[in-house]
Protein backbone atom coordinates (compact mmCIF):
# COMPACT_ATOMS: atom_id res chain seq x y z
CA UNK A 1 157.73 161.81 112.25
CA UNK A 2 156.25 164.40 114.57
CA UNK A 3 153.75 166.97 113.35
CA UNK A 4 155.57 169.84 115.08
CA UNK A 5 158.43 172.13 114.10
CA UNK A 6 161.57 171.46 116.12
CA UNK A 7 162.60 175.15 116.20
CA UNK A 8 159.40 177.20 116.59
CA UNK A 9 157.01 174.41 117.81
CA UNK A 10 154.45 175.25 115.11
CA UNK A 11 151.87 172.45 115.01
CA UNK A 12 148.42 171.54 113.72
CA UNK A 13 145.60 173.89 114.74
CA UNK A 14 141.85 173.67 114.24
CA UNK A 15 139.71 176.22 112.44
CA UNK A 16 136.35 176.48 110.79
CA UNK A 17 135.37 176.50 107.14
CA UNK A 18 132.34 178.62 106.31
CA UNK A 19 130.14 177.80 103.34
CA UNK A 20 128.92 181.22 102.21
CA UNK A 21 126.72 179.97 99.38
CA UNK A 22 124.14 177.45 100.49
CA UNK A 23 120.83 176.37 99.06
CA UNK A 24 117.32 177.28 100.22
CA UNK A 25 118.20 178.26 103.77
CA UNK A 26 119.89 181.57 102.95
CA UNK A 27 118.05 183.22 105.84
CA UNK A 28 119.68 180.92 108.33
CA UNK A 29 123.19 180.89 109.68
CA UNK A 30 125.81 179.63 107.24
CA UNK A 31 127.04 176.09 107.98
CA UNK A 32 130.47 175.76 109.62
CA UNK A 33 132.65 172.67 109.43
CA UNK A 34 135.75 172.05 111.51
CA UNK A 35 138.98 171.74 109.55
CA UNK A 36 142.70 171.49 110.31
CA UNK A 37 145.53 173.82 109.37
CA UNK A 38 148.71 171.77 109.10
CA UNK A 39 152.23 173.23 108.99
CA UNK A 40 154.42 172.75 105.93
CA UNK A 41 157.11 170.51 107.45
CA UNK A 42 160.39 169.25 106.03
CA UNK A 43 162.74 166.65 107.48
CA UNK A 44 166.41 167.69 107.60
CA UNK A 45 169.64 166.75 109.34
CA UNK A 46 170.50 169.48 111.85
CA UNK A 47 173.44 169.77 114.23
CA UNK A 48 172.11 170.12 117.79
CA UNK A 49 174.62 170.38 120.66
CA UNK A 50 177.37 168.90 118.48
CA UNK A 51 175.26 165.89 117.46
CA UNK A 52 173.62 165.56 114.05
CA UNK A 53 169.90 164.81 114.44
CA UNK A 54 167.13 164.21 111.91
CA UNK A 55 164.46 166.77 112.83
CA UNK A 56 161.33 168.19 111.22
CA UNK A 57 161.13 171.95 110.76
CA UNK A 58 158.63 174.24 109.04
CA UNK A 59 159.51 175.94 105.76
CA UNK A 60 159.71 179.37 107.38
CA UNK A 61 162.45 178.16 109.74
CA UNK A 62 164.12 176.24 106.88
CA UNK A 63 164.33 179.39 104.75
CA UNK A 64 165.71 181.33 107.73
CA UNK A 65 168.43 178.67 108.21
CA UNK A 66 169.30 178.69 104.49
CA UNK A 67 169.57 182.48 104.50
CA UNK A 68 171.92 182.32 107.49
CA UNK A 69 174.13 179.75 105.72
CA UNK A 70 174.36 181.90 102.58
CA UNK A 71 175.35 184.99 104.60
CA UNK A 72 178.10 183.07 106.41
CA UNK A 73 179.57 181.80 103.14
CA UNK A 74 179.64 185.25 101.50
């Protein structure tokens, strides 16, 4: 399973975590550690060009698709 949204291509990005409270060295720069921000992905069956494919999409796109389905039914 890929780590990228099929619709919006949202993927893993890197960031930094800052430790604001640290021991004796309060005068010095706060320590930074590299961390990853991962998208909230869900695997669904989606019709693409008339063919049903199993794709991974983020929850924001999933909610947008569900809202579109509900509006079409009403």
